[in-house]
């Protein structure tokens, strides 16, 4: 026989809940009805960052160059939110094919050299605009 245990938790806080839309002209704009990032209190959630150069609107065909551009775009958005890569706690990496994992991981390791964030990686999926890599970031400010 299973017993059900119920917990009632009351959390009192003086801090008001605040949602803020984050955008940066130093990163490509959203290609649909979504924001570059959303900040909820001190937590920043970026949308998946594609490897689009915000100045040219173009995308390299090389996985390493694409990964570098994704990080540049994320850095710009995190900066606009009052954060940076040292405050990233979780990433989600999407690869068109897992054959790109080693090359992406090499570049990824150049940006996260210590205090590595948690990470999920998913492969074998079609990505927007034919990208080889897309990364979401969760950070604090």
Protein backbone atom coordinates (compact mmCIF):
# COMPACT_ATOMS: atom_id res chain seq x y z
CA UNK A 1 0.00 0.00 0.00
CA UNK A 2 1.37 3.39 -1.00
CA UNK A 3 1.09 6.37 1.29
CA UNK A 4 0.76 9.84 -0.12
CA UNK A 5 2.67 12.54 1.65
CA UNK A 6 1.64 16.13 1.13
CA UNK A 7 3.86 19.10 1.82
CA UNK A 8 2.67 22.64 2.19
CA UNK A 9 5.43 25.14 1.62
CA UNK A 10 4.97 28.83 2.19
CA UNK A 11 7.67 31.05 0.77
CA UNK A 12 7.70 34.66 1.79
CA UNK A 13 9.90 37.11 0.01
CA UNK A 14 10.24 40.84 -0.22
CA UNK A 15 11.54 40.55 -3.75
CA UNK A 16 8.99 41.05 -6.49
CA UNK A 17 9.00 38.63 -9.39
CA UNK A 18 10.24 40.42 -12.49
CA UNK A 19 10.38 39.29 -16.11
CA UNK A 20 12.47 41.31 -18.55
CA UNK A 21 12.99 40.85 -22.29
CA UNK A 22 16.69 41.04 -23.23
CA UNK A 23 18.00 42.06 -26.63
CA UNK A 24 21.32 43.09 -28.11
CA UNK A 25 22.14 44.60 -31.48
CA UNK A 26 25.48 42.77 -31.21
CA UNK A 27 23.67 39.45 -31.80
CA UNK A 28 21.31 38.41 -34.59
CA UNK A 29 17.66 39.22 -34.03
CA UNK A 30 15.09 36.53 -33.46
CA UNK A 31 13.82 34.88 -36.64
CA UNK A 32 10.38 34.27 -35.18
CA UNK A 33 8.00 35.37 -32.41
CA UNK A 34 10.46 35.00 -29.53
CA UNK A 35 13.09 37.00 -27.65
CA UNK A 36 16.87 36.69 -27.79
CA UNK A 37 16.65 36.10 -24.03
CA UNK A 38 14.37 36.49 -21.05
CA UNK A 39 15.55 37.47 -17.59
CA UNK A 40 13.43 36.33 -14.68
CA UNK A 41 14.69 37.94 -11.49
CA UNK A 42 18.41 37.10 -11.64
CA UNK A 43 18.20 34.15 -14.06
CA UNK A 44 18.79 34.61 -17.79
CA UNK A 45 17.44 32.15 -20.34
CA UNK A 46 18.71 32.64 -23.89
CA UNK A 47 16.89 31.34 -26.91
CA UNK A 48 18.89 28.91 -29.00
CA UNK A 49 21.76 30.86 -30.50
CA UNK A 50 22.41 30.24 -34.15
CA UNK A 51 25.80 30.92 -35.77
CA UNK A 52 24.63 33.96 -37.70
CA UNK A 53 27.04 36.88 -37.95
CA UNK A 54 24.92 39.87 -36.86
CA UNK A 55 26.87 42.26 -39.11
CA UNK A 56 26.53 40.29 -42.34
CA UNK A 57 23.56 38.01 -41.66
CA UNK A 58 25.63 35.13 -42.99
CA UNK A 59 26.62 31.76 -41.55
CA UNK A 60 29.87 29.86 -42.08
CA UNK A 61 29.70 26.25 -43.25
CA UNK A 62 32.47 25.18 -40.82
CA UNK A 63 31.41 23.68 -37.46
CA UNK A 64 34.26 25.31 -35.52
CA UNK A 65 33.54 28.76 -36.96
CA UNK A 66 29.83 28.24 -36.32
CA UNK A 67 30.49 27.32 -32.69
CA UNK A 68 32.68 30.41 -32.19
CA UNK A 69 29.93 32.62 -33.65
CA UNK A 70 27.31 31.05 -31.38
CA UNK A 71 29.47 31.95 -28.37
CA UNK A 72 30.05 35.50 -29.63
CA UNK A 73 26.29 35.95 -30.01
CA UNK A 74 25.64 34.50 -26.55
CA UNK A 75 28.30 36.75 -24.98
CA UNK A 76 26.59 39.83 -26.45
CA UNK A 77 23.18 38.80 -25.14
CA UNK A 78 24.49 37.86 -21.70
CA UNK A 79 26.31 41.20 -21.50
CA UNK A 80 23.06 43.01 -22.32
CA UNK A 81 21.48 41.12 -19.41
CA UNK A 82 24.28 42.05 -16.98
CA UNK A 83 26.01 38.68 -17.11
CA UNK A 84 28.77 36.80 -18.92
CA UNK A 85 29.94 33.28 -19.71
CA UNK A 86 31.47 32.80 -16.23
CA UNK A 87 27.93 32.89 -14.83
CA UNK A 88 26.48 30.23 -17.13
CA UNK A 89 25.08 27.29 -15.14
CA UNK A 90 23.59 25.16 -17.95
CA UNK A 91 23.78 24.83 -21.71
CA UNK A 92 21.82 22.77 -24.19
CA UNK A 93 23.71 21.98 -27.39
CA UNK A 94 21.93 20.90 -30.55
CA UNK A 95 23.97 19.43 -33.39
CA UNK A 96 22.82 18.61 -36.90
CA UNK A 97 24.87 15.42 -36.61
CA UNK A 98 26.87 13.97 -33.70
CA UNK A 99 29.85 13.64 -36.05
CA UNK A 100 30.39 17.35 -35.25
CA UNK A 101 30.63 16.71 -31.50
CA UNK A 102 34.45 16.59 -31.17
CA UNK A 103 35.00 19.79 -33.15
CA UNK A 104 32.21 21.63 -31.31
CA UNK A 105 33.49 20.34 -27.96
CA UNK A 106 37.02 21.61 -28.68
CA UNK A 107 35.73 25.16 -29.23
CA UNK A 108 33.24 24.87 -26.35
CA UNK A 109 36.16 24.01 -24.03
CA UNK A 110 37.98 27.18 -25.09
CA UNK A 111 35.07 29.29 -23.81
CA UNK A 112 34.46 27.30 -20.59
CA UNK A 113 37.91 26.66 -19.15
CA UNK A 114 36.88 26.20 -15.50
CA UNK A 115 33.70 25.83 -13.45
CA UNK A 116 32.08 24.11 -16.40
CA UNK A 117 28.31 24.46 -16.61
CA UNK A 118 26.01 21.46 -16.79
CA UNK A 119 25.30 20.49 -20.39
CA UNK A 120 23.01 18.41 -22.54
CA UNK A 121 23.88 17.60 -26.14
CA UNK A 122 21.41 16.35 -28.73
CA UNK A 123 22.39 15.23 -32.20
CA UNK A 124 20.85 14.17 -35.48
CA UNK A 125 18.36 16.97 -35.77
CA UNK A 126 17.57 19.58 -38.40
CA UNK A 127 18.30 23.09 -37.14
CA UNK A 128 16.93 26.43 -38.27
CA UNK A 129 18.46 27.92 -41.43
CA UNK A 130 20.59 24.79 -41.97
CA UNK A 131 22.89 25.50 -39.02
CA UNK A 132 25.22 22.76 -37.80
CA UNK A 133 25.05 23.89 -34.16
CA UNK A 134 22.69 25.81 -31.89
CA UNK A 135 23.21 26.42 -28.16
CA UNK A 136 20.89 27.65 -25.39
CA UNK A 137 22.39 29.20 -22.25
CA UNK A 138 21.06 29.62 -18.72
CA UNK A 139 23.01 32.06 -16.54
CA UNK A 140 22.60 34.33 -13.53
CA UNK A 141 23.34 38.02 -13.23
